């Protein structure tokens, strides 16, 4: 069977021979050496502590907001959510 494959390969034009070789190389890398290539391409990244690299947000709360009722204008929450989605996707 190998001899038949080699004979068929030799009958192909040169540009197709190169494509066949490239495809065989792709398959070998993907299936035969998949464990080796995963180990070779693994990147070690040091995890950072988010608390060491962040700062708390400081806001001046001088305004009295006890009378503010967010979304008080919304009568039908399902319809409001639908409108927001449509606006987000610019369907209107």
PDB file of N, CA and C in Angstrom:
ATOM      1  N   UNK A   1       0.816  -1.197   0.000  1.00  0.00           N
ATOM      2  CA  UNK A   1       0.000   0.000   0.000  1.00  0.00           C
ATOM      3  C   UNK A   1       0.859   1.262   0.000  1.00  0.00           C
ATOM      4  N   UNK A   2       1.973   1.222   0.719  1.00  0.00           N
ATOM      5  CA  UNK A   2       2.860   2.385   0.756  1.00  0.00           C
ATOM      6  C   UNK A   2       3.417   2.684  -0.630  1.00  0.00           C
ATOM      7  N   UNK A   3       3.751   1.643  -1.367  1.00  0.00           N
ATOM      8  CA  UNK A   3       4.293   1.840  -2.717  1.00  0.00           C
ATOM      9  C   UNK A   3       3.250   2.492  -3.623  1.00  0.00           C
ATOM     10  N   UNK A   4       1.994   2.073  -3.476  1.00  0.00           N
ATOM     11  CA  UNK A   4       0.926   2.662  -4.282  1.00  0.00           C
ATOM     12  C   UNK A   4       0.761   4.152  -3.952  1.00  0.00           C
ATOM     13  N   UNK A   5       0.826   4.474  -2.673  1.00  0.00           N
ATOM     14  CA  UNK A   5       0.702   5.881  -2.269  1.00  0.00           C
ATOM     15  C   UNK A   5       1.851   6.714  -2.817  1.00  0.00           C
ATOM     16  N   UNK A   6       3.048   6.172  -2.754  1.00  0.00           N
ATOM     17  CA  UNK A   6       4.208   6.896  -3.271  1.00  0.00           C
ATOM     18  C   UNK A   6       4.081   7.091  -4.774  1.00  0.00           C
ATOM     19  N   UNK A   7       3.638   6.071  -5.492  1.00  0.00           N
ATOM     20  CA  UNK A   7       3.456   6.196  -6.944  1.00  0.00           C
ATOM     21  C   UNK A   7       2.395   7.236  -7.280  1.00  0.00           C
ATOM     22  N   UNK A   8       1.291   7.225  -6.562  1.00  0.00           N
ATOM     23  CA  UNK A   8       0.238   8.213  -6.796  1.00  0.00           C
ATOM     24  C   UNK A   8       0.727   9.623  -6.458  1.00  0.00           C
ATOM     25  N   UNK A   9       1.523   9.715  -5.409  1.00  0.00           N
ATOM     26  CA  UNK A   9       2.072  11.000  -5.019  1.00  0.00           C
ATOM     27  C   UNK A   9       2.991  11.549  -6.105  1.00  0.00           C
ATOM     28  N   UNK A  10       3.812  10.690  -6.676  1.00  0.00           N
ATOM     29  CA  UNK A  10       4.761  11.119  -7.706  1.00  0.00           C
ATOM     30  C   UNK A  10       4.061  11.533  -8.992  1.00  0.00           C
ATOM     31  N   UNK A  11       2.851  11.047  -9.224  1.00  0.00           N
ATOM     32  CA  UNK A  11       2.095  11.418 -10.410  1.00  0.00           C
ATOM     33  C   UNK A  11       1.459  12.802 -10.301  1.00  0.00           C
ATOM     34  N   UNK A  12       1.379  13.318  -9.095  1.00  0.00           N
ATOM     35  CA  UNK A  12       0.768  14.633  -8.881  1.00  0.00           C
ATOM     36  C   UNK A  12       1.688  15.746  -9.380  1.00  0.00           C
ATOM     37  N   UNK A  13       1.109  16.875  -9.799  1.00  0.00           N
ATOM     38  CA  UNK A  13       1.957  18.036 -10.120  1.00  0.00           C
ATOM     39  C   UNK A  13       2.678  18.536  -8.863  1.00  0.00           C
ATOM     40  N   UNK A  14       3.750  19.261  -9.070  1.00  0.00           N
ATOM     41  CA  UNK A  14       4.601  19.673  -7.942  1.00  0.00           C
ATOM     42  C   UNK A  14       3.856  20.533  -6.930  1.00  0.00           C
ATOM     43  N   UNK A  15       2.987  21.420  -7.404  1.00  0.00           N
ATOM     44  CA  UNK A  15       2.277  22.290  -6.460  1.00  0.00           C
ATOM     45  C   UNK A  15       1.317  21.475  -5.586  1.00  0.00           C
ATOM     46  N   UNK A  16       0.696  20.440  -6.152  1.00  0.00           N
ATOM     47  CA  UNK A  16      -0.175  19.580  -5.339  1.00  0.00           C
ATOM     48  C   UNK A  16       0.637  18.702  -4.398  1.00  0.00           C
ATOM     49  N   UNK A  17       1.822  18.305  -4.821  1.00  0.00           N
ATOM     50  CA  UNK A  17       2.688  17.525  -3.935  1.00  0.00           C
ATOM     51  C   UNK A  17       3.020  18.318  -2.673  1.00  0.00           C
ATOM     52  N   UNK A  18       3.319  19.592  -2.853  1.00  0.00           N
ATOM     53  CA  UNK A  18       3.632  20.437  -1.697  1.00  0.00           C
ATOM     54  C   UNK A  18       2.421  20.591  -0.792  1.00  0.00           C
ATOM     55  N   UNK A  19       1.227  20.726  -1.370  1.00  0.00           N
ATOM     56  CA  UNK A  19       0.007  20.826  -0.562  1.00  0.00           C
ATOM     57  C   UNK A  19      -0.231  19.554   0.232  1.00  0.00           C
ATOM     58  N   UNK A  20       0.014  18.409  -0.404  1.00  0.00           N
ATOM     59  CA  UNK A  20      -0.154  17.126   0.286  1.00  0.00           C
ATOM     60  C   UNK A  20       0.834  17.023   1.442  1.00  0.00           C
ATOM     61  N   UNK A  21       2.078  17.409   1.200  1.00  0.00           N
ATOM     62  CA  UNK A  21       3.090  17.362   2.259  1.00  0.00           C
ATOM     63  C   UNK A  21       2.726  18.303   3.413  1.00  0.00           C
ATOM     64  N   UNK A  22       2.237  19.477   3.080  1.00  0.00           N
ATOM     65  CA  UNK A  22       1.832  20.424   4.123  1.00  0.00           C
ATOM     66  C   UNK A  22       0.675  19.864   4.945  1.00  0.00           C
ATOM     67  N   UNK A  23      -0.264  19.227   4.272  1.00  0.00           N
ATOM     68  CA  UNK A  23      -1.413  18.661   4.985  1.00  0.00           C
ATOM     69  C   UNK A  23      -0.990  17.499   5.877  1.00  0.00           C
ATOM     70  N   UNK A  24      -0.089  16.673   5.393  1.00  0.00           N
ATOM     71  CA  UNK A  24       0.416  15.563   6.218  1.00  0.00           C
ATOM     72  C   UNK A  24       1.132  16.114   7.436  1.00  0.00           C
ATOM     73  N   UNK A  25       1.922  17.151   7.255  1.00  0.00           N
ATOM     74  CA  UNK A  25       2.616  17.778   8.382  1.00  0.00           C
ATOM     75  C   UNK A  25       1.617  18.331   9.396  1.00  0.00           C
ATOM     76  N   UNK A  26       0.553  18.965   8.897  1.00  0.00           N
ATOM     77  CA  UNK A  26      -0.501  19.487   9.770  1.00  0.00           C
ATOM     78  C   UNK A  26      -1.140  18.359  10.584  1.00  0.00           C
ATOM     79  N   UNK A  27      -1.468  17.250   9.929  1.00  0.00           N
ATOM     80  CA  UNK A  27      -2.103  16.130  10.624  1.00  0.00           C
ATOM     81  C   UNK A  27      -1.184  15.507  11.667  1.00  0.00           C
ATOM     82  N   UNK A  28       0.072  15.377  11.334  1.00  0.00           N
ATOM     83  CA  UNK A  28       1.036  14.808  12.297  1.00  0.00           C
ATOM     84  C   UNK A  28       1.154  15.714  13.515  1.00  0.00           C
ATOM     85  N   UNK A  29       1.246  17.024  13.283  1.00  0.00           N
ATOM     86  CA  UNK A  29       1.347  17.952  14.413  1.00  0.00           C
ATOM     87  C   UNK A  29       0.084  17.929  15.264  1.00  0.00           C
ATOM     88  N   UNK A  30      -1.057  17.808  14.600  1.00  0.00           N
ATOM     89  CA  UNK A  30      -2.317  17.889  15.332  1.00  0.00           C
ATOM     90  C   UNK A  30      -2.620  16.609  16.115  1.00  0.00           C
ATOM     91  N   UNK A  31      -2.414  15.459  15.510  1.00  0.00           N
ATOM     92  CA  UNK A  31      -2.860  14.212  16.131  1.00  0.00           C
ATOM     93  C   UNK A  31      -1.736  13.364  16.713  1.00  0.00           C
ATOM     94  N   UNK A  32      -0.602  13.306  16.069  1.00  0.00           N
ATOM     95  CA  UNK A  32       0.469  12.419  16.535  1.00  0.00           C
ATOM     96  C   UNK A  32       1.252  13.061  17.663  1.00  0.00           C
ATOM     97  N   UNK A  33       1.633  14.310  17.487  1.00  0.00           N
ATOM     98  CA  UNK A  33       2.468  14.993  18.474  1.00  0.00           C
ATOM     99  C   UNK A  33       1.683  16.000  19.300  1.00  0.00           C
ATOM    100  N   UNK A  34       0.388  15.779  19.456  1.00  0.00           N
ATOM    101  CA  UNK A  34      -0.422  16.787  20.141  1.00  0.00           C
ATOM    102  C   UNK A  34      -0.001  16.972  21.593  1.00  0.00           C
ATOM    103  N   UNK A  35       0.352  15.910  22.265  1.00  0.00           N
ATOM    104  CA  UNK A  35       0.769  16.055  23.670  1.00  0.00           C
ATOM    105  C   UNK A  35       2.102  16.770  23.778  1.00  0.00           C
ATOM    106  N   UNK A  36       3.020  16.454  22.887  1.00  0.00           N
ATOM    107  CA  UNK A  36       4.323  17.114  22.929  1.00  0.00           C
ATOM    108  C   UNK A  36       4.196  18.595  22.603  1.00  0.00           C
ATOM    109  N   UNK A  37       3.414  18.916  21.576  1.00  0.00           N
ATOM    110  CA  UNK A  37       3.303  20.323  21.202  1.00  0.00           C
ATOM    111  C   UNK A  37       2.593  21.126  22.271  1.00  0.00           C
ATOM    112  N   UNK A  38       1.633  20.508  22.973  1.00  0.00           N
ATOM    113  CA  UNK A  38       0.970  21.229  24.054  1.00  0.00           C
ATOM    114  C   UNK A  38       1.954  21.547  25.167  1.00  0.00           C
ATOM    115  N   UNK A  39       2.828  20.599  25.487  1.00  0.00           N
ATOM    116  CA  UNK A  39       3.820  20.843  26.520  1.00  0.00           C
ATOM    117  C   UNK A  39       4.824  21.898  26.068  1.00  0.00           C
ATOM    118  N   UNK A  40       5.206  21.854  24.793  1.00  0.00           N
ATOM    119  CA  UNK A  40       6.191  22.798  24.282  1.00  0.00           C
ATOM    120  C   UNK A  40       5.643  24.214  24.204  1.00  0.00           C
ATOM    121  N   UNK A  41       4.363  24.341  23.884  1.00  0.00           N
ATOM    122  CA  UNK A  41       3.788  25.670  23.724  1.00  0.00           C
ATOM    123  C   UNK A  41       3.154  26.208  25.000  1.00  0.00           C
ATOM    124  N   UNK A  42       3.207  25.454  26.073  1.00  0.00           N
ATOM    125  CA  UNK A  42       2.619  25.922  27.325  1.00  0.00           C
ATOM    126  C   UNK A  42       3.403  27.131  27.841  1.00  0.00           C
ATOM    127  N   UNK A  43       2.672  28.127  28.263  1.00  0.00           N
ATOM    128  CA  UNK A  43       3.279  29.355  28.778  1.00  0.00           C
ATOM    129  C   UNK A  43       2.940  29.456  30.264  1.00  0.00           C
ATOM    130  N   UNK A  44       3.938  29.676  31.061  1.00  0.00           N
ATOM    131  CA  UNK A  44       3.669  29.842  32.479  1.00  0.00           C
ATOM    132  C   UNK A  44       3.566  31.341  32.776  1.00  0.00           C
ATOM    133  N   UNK A  45       2.459  31.703  33.384  1.00  0.00           N
ATOM    134  CA  UNK A  45       2.210  33.099  33.719  1.00  0.00           C
ATOM    135  C   UNK A  45       1.940  33.176  35.216  1.00  0.00           C
ATOM    136  N   UNK A  46       2.655  34.059  35.872  1.00  0.00           N
ATOM    137  CA  UNK A  46       2.476  34.235  37.296  1.00  0.00           C
ATOM    138  C   UNK A  46       1.145  34.941  37.552  1.00  0.00           C
ATOM    139  N   UNK A  47       0.328  34.378  38.433  1.00  0.00           N
ATOM    140  CA  UNK A  47      -0.944  34.998  38.769  1.00  0.00           C
ATOM    141  C   UNK A  47      -0.702  36.151  39.733  1.00  0.00           C
ATOM    142  N   UNK A  48      -1.391  37.233  39.463  1.00  0.00           N
ATOM    143  CA  UNK A  48      -1.251  38.415  40.307  1.00  0.00           C
ATOM    144  C   UNK A  48      -2.376  38.459  41.330  1.00  0.00           C
ATOM    145  N   UNK A  49      -2.060  39.012  42.488  1.00  0.00           N
ATOM    146  CA  UNK A  49      -3.069  39.200  43.527  1.00  0.00           C
ATOM    147  C   UNK A  49      -3.848  40.468  43.204  1.00  0.00           C
ATOM    148  N   UNK A  50      -5.164  40.373  42.929  1.00  0.00           N
ATOM    149  CA  UNK A  50      -5.920  41.565  42.549  1.00  0.00           C
ATOM    150  C   UNK A  50      -5.956  42.624  43.650  1.00  0.00           C
ATOM    151  N   UNK A  51      -5.869  42.215  44.902  1.00  0.00           N
ATOM    152  CA  UNK A  51      -5.902  43.186  45.996  1.00  0.00           C
ATOM    153  C   UNK A  51      -4.597  43.974  46.088  1.00  0.00           C
ATOM    154  N   UNK A  52      -3.512  43.371  45.656  1.00  0.00           N
ATOM    155  CA  UNK A  52      -2.230  44.071  45.686  1.00  0.00           C
ATOM    156  C   UNK A  52      -2.106  45.054  44.516  1.00  0.00           C
ATOM    157  N   UNK A  53      -2.905  44.875  43.473  1.00  0.00           N
ATOM    158  CA  UNK A  53      -2.795  45.712  42.273  1.00  0.00           C
ATOM    159  C   UNK A  53      -4.055  46.533  42.017  1.00  0.00           C
ATOM    160  N   UNK A  54      -4.803  46.820  43.050  1.00  0.00           N
ATOM    161  CA  UNK A  54      -6.007  47.629  42.879  1.00  0.00           C
ATOM    162  C   UNK A  54      -6.099  48.656  43.995  1.00  0.00           C
ATOM    163  N   UNK A  55      -6.925  49.667  43.749  1.00  0.00           N
ATOM    164  CA  UNK A  55      -7.155  50.690  44.759  1.00  0.00           C
ATOM    165  C   UNK A  55      -8.651  50.878  44.927  1.00  0.00           C
ATOM    166  N   UNK A  56      -9.107  51.150  46.118  1.00  0.00           N
ATOM    167  CA  UNK A  56     -10.539  51.375  46.320  1.00  0.00           C
ATOM    168  C   UNK A  56     -10.993  52.679  45.671  1.00  0.00           C
ATOM    169  N   UNK A  57     -12.227  52.701  45.228  1.00  0.00           N
ATOM    170  CA  UNK A  57     -12.796  53.897  44.608  1.00  0.00           C
ATOM    171  C   UNK A  57     -13.223  54.854  45.718  1.00  0.00           C
ATOM    172  N   UNK A  58     -12.779  56.094  45.599  1.00  0.00           N
ATOM    173  CA  UNK A  58     -13.120  57.110  46.578  1.00  0.00           C
ATOM    174  C   UNK A  58     -14.068  58.117  45.922  1.00  0.00           C
ATOM    175  N   UNK A  59     -15.280  58.224  46.446  1.00  0.00           N
ATOM    176  CA  UNK A  59     -16.267  59.172  45.922  1.00  0.00           C
ATOM    177  C   UNK A  59     -16.722  60.098  47.045  1.00  0.00           C
ATOM    178  N   UNK A  60     -16.882  61.371  46.703  1.00  0.00           N
ATOM    179  CA  UNK A  60     -17.435  62.323  47.655  1.00  0.00           C
ATOM    180  C   UNK A  60     -18.953  62.250  47.571  1.00  0.00           C
ATOM    181  N   UNK A  61     -19.574  61.799  48.629  1.00  0.00           N
ATOM    182  CA  UNK A  61     -21.027  61.662  48.659  1.00  0.00           C
ATOM    183  C   UNK A  61     -21.624  62.815  49.455  1.00  0.00           C
ATOM    184  N   UNK A  62     -21.573  64.010  48.874  1.00  0.00           N
ATOM    185  CA  UNK A  62     -22.115  65.184  49.562  1.00  0.00           C
ATOM    186  C   UNK A  62     -23.588  65.400  49.217  1.00  0.00           C
ATOM    187  N   UNK A  63     -24.041  64.809  48.099  1.00  0.00           N
ATOM    188  CA  UNK A  63     -25.415  65.010  47.662  1.00  0.00           C
ATOM    189  C   UNK A  63     -26.327  63.977  48.325  1.00  0.00           C
ATOM    190  N   UNK A  64     -27.504  64.422  48.737  1.00  0.00           N
ATOM    191  CA  UNK A  64     -28.484  63.525  49.352  1.00  0.00           C
ATOM    192  C   UNK A  64     -29.244  62.803  48.234  1.00  0.00           C
ATOM    193  N   UNK A  65     -29.096  61.477  48.167  1.00  0.00           N
ATOM    194  CA  UNK A  65     -29.733  60.694  47.112  1.00  0.00           C
ATOM    195  C   UNK A  65     -30.842  59.784  47.644  1.00  0.00           C
ATOM    196  N   UNK A  66     -31.366  60.068  48.812  1.00  0.00           N
ATOM    197  CA  UNK A  66     -32.398  59.203  49.387  1.00  0.00           C
ATOM    198  C   UNK A  66     -33.713  59.301  48.632  1.00  0.00           C
ATOM    199  N   UNK A  67     -33.962  60.411  47.951  1.00  0.00           N
ATOM    200  CA  UNK A  67     -35.209  60.594  47.216  1.00  0.00           C
ATOM    201  C   UNK A  67     -35.160  59.995  45.799  1.00  0.00           C
ATOM    202  N   UNK A  68     -33.989  59.561  45.339  1.00  0.00           N
ATOM    203  CA  UNK A  68     -33.829  59.040  43.981  1.00  0.00           C
ATOM    204  C   UNK A  68     -34.350  57.607  43.917  1.00  0.00           C
ATOM    205  N   UNK A  69     -35.204  57.345  42.948  1.00  0.00           N
ATOM    206  CA  UNK A  69     -35.763  56.003  42.726  1.00  0.00           C
ATOM    207  C   UNK A  69     -35.358  55.543  41.319  1.00  0.00           C
ATOM    208  N   UNK A  70     -34.302  54.735  41.220  1.00  0.00           N
ATOM    209  CA  UNK A  70     -33.861  54.298  39.891  1.00  0.00           C
ATOM    210  C   UNK A  70     -34.936  53.442  39.218  1.00  0.00           C
ATOM    211  N   UNK A  71     -35.090  53.609  37.928  1.00  0.00           N
ATOM    212  CA  UNK A  71     -36.041  52.859  37.108  1.00  0.00           C
ATOM    213  C   UNK A  71     -37.485  53.069  37.548  1.00  0.00           C
ATOM    214  N   UNK A  72     -37.793  54.196  38.166  1.00  0.00           N
ATOM    215  CA  UNK A  72     -39.171  54.475  38.562  1.00  0.00           C
ATOM    216  C   UNK A  72     -40.063  54.676  37.343  1.00  0.00           C
ATOM    217  N   UNK A  73     -39.462  55.073  36.217  1.00  0.00           N
ATOM    218  CA  UNK A  73     -40.234  55.302  35.000  1.00  0.00           C
ATOM    219  C   UNK A  73     -40.638  54.009  34.291  1.00  0.00           C
ATOM    220  N   UNK A  74     -40.065  52.876  34.696  1.00  0.00           N
ATOM    221  CA  UNK A  74     -40.335  51.601  34.029  1.00  0.00           C
ATOM    222  C   UNK A  74     -41.627  51.012  34.580  1.00  0.00           C
ATOM    223  N   UNK A  75     -42.572  50.797  33.678  1.00  0.00           N
ATOM    224  CA  UNK A  75     -43.858  50.201  34.073  1.00  0.00           C
ATOM    225  C   UNK A  75     -43.874  48.696  33.789  1.00  0.00           C
ATOM    226  N   UNK A  76     -43.274  48.273  32.653  1.00  0.00           N
ATOM    227  CA  UNK A  76     -43.247  46.869  32.251  1.00  0.00           C
ATOM    228  C   UNK A  76     -41.781  46.477  32.072  1.00  0.00           C
ATOM    229  N   UNK A  77     -41.255  45.701  32.996  1.00  0.00           N
ATOM    230  CA  UNK A  77     -39.821  45.388  32.970  1.00  0.00           C
ATOM    231  C   UNK A  77     -39.444  44.525  31.764  1.00  0.00           C
ATOM    232  N   UNK A  78     -40.326  43.613  31.344  1.00  0.00           N
ATOM    233  CA  UNK A  78     -40.024  42.771  30.181  1.00  0.00           C
ATOM    234  C   UNK A  78     -39.923  43.617  28.916  1.00  0.00           C
ATOM    235  N   UNK A  79     -40.841  44.530  28.730  1.00  0.00           N
ATOM    236  CA  UNK A  79     -40.815  45.412  27.554  1.00  0.00           C
ATOM    237  C   UNK A  79     -39.598  46.331  27.594  1.00  0.00           C
ATOM    238  N   UNK A  80     -39.262  46.829  28.772  1.00  0.00           N
ATOM    239  CA  UNK A  80     -38.100  47.699  28.923  1.00  0.00           C
ATOM    240  C   UNK A  80     -36.815  46.945  28.575  1.00  0.00           C
ATOM    241  N   UNK A  81     -36.694  45.701  29.041  1.00  0.00           N
ATOM    242  CA  UNK A  81     -35.507  44.892  28.741  1.00  0.00           C
ATOM    243  C   UNK A  81     -35.412  44.623  27.237  1.00  0.00           C
ATOM    244  N   UNK A  82     -36.558  44.365  26.598  1.00  0.00           N
ATOM    245  CA  UNK A  82     -36.576  44.140  25.155  1.00  0.00           C
ATOM    246  C   UNK A  82     -36.107  45.383  24.404  1.00  0.00           C
ATOM    247  N   UNK A  83     -36.567  46.540  24.832  1.00  0.00           N
ATOM    248  CA  UNK A  83     -36.143  47.791  24.204  1.00  0.00           C
ATOM    249  C   UNK A  83     -34.641  48.015  24.372  1.00  0.00           C
ATOM    250  N   UNK A  84     -34.119  47.723  25.548  1.00  0.00           N
ATOM    251  CA  UNK A  84     -32.681  47.886  25.771  1.00  0.00           C
ATOM    252  C   UNK A  84     -31.868  46.969  24.871  1.00  0.00           C
ATOM    253  N   UNK A  85     -32.303  45.711  24.739  1.00  0.00           N
ATOM    254  CA  UNK A  85     -31.595  44.775  23.863  1.00  0.00           C
ATOM    255  C   UNK A  85     -31.629  45.257  22.419  1.00  0.00           C
ATOM    256  N   UNK A  86     -32.795  45.730  21.977  1.00  0.00           N
ATOM    257  CA  UNK A  86     -32.901  46.211  20.603  1.00  0.00           C
ATOM    258  C   UNK A  86     -32.006  47.422  20.362  1.00  0.00           C
ATOM    259  N   UNK A  87     -31.944  48.310  21.325  1.00  0.00           N
ATOM    260  CA  UNK A  87     -31.084  49.480  21.182  1.00  0.00           C
ATOM    261  C   UNK A  87     -29.604  49.068  21.174  1.00  0.00           C
ATOM    262  N   UNK A  88     -29.282  48.076  21.996  1.00  0.00           N
ATOM    263  CA  UNK A  88     -27.887  47.627  22.070  1.00  0.00           C
ATOM    264  C   UNK A  88     -27.451  47.022  20.740  1.00  0.00           C
ATOM    265  N   UNK A  89     -28.335  46.321  20.083  1.00  0.00           N
ATOM    266  CA  UNK A  89     -28.000  45.689  18.806  1.00  0.00           C
ATOM    267  C   UNK A  89     -28.372  46.564  17.616  1.00  0.00           C
ATOM    268  N   UNK A  90     -28.838  47.762  17.871  1.00  0.00           N
ATOM    269  CA  UNK A  90     -29.208  48.736  16.845  1.00  0.00           C
ATOM    270  C   UNK A  90     -30.165  48.134  15.819  1.00  0.00           C
ATOM    271  N   UNK A  91     -31.208  47.508  16.338  1.00  0.00           N
ATOM    272  CA  UNK A  91     -32.202  46.889  15.443  1.00  0.00           C
ATOM    273  C   UNK A  91     -33.302  47.864  15.073  1.00  0.00           C
ATOM    274  N   UNK A  92     -33.356  48.985  15.752  1.00  0.00           N
ATOM    275  CA  UNK A  92     -34.405  49.966  15.449  1.00  0.00           C
ATOM    276  C   UNK A  92     -33.940  50.931  14.411  1.00  0.00           C
TER     277      UNK A  92
END
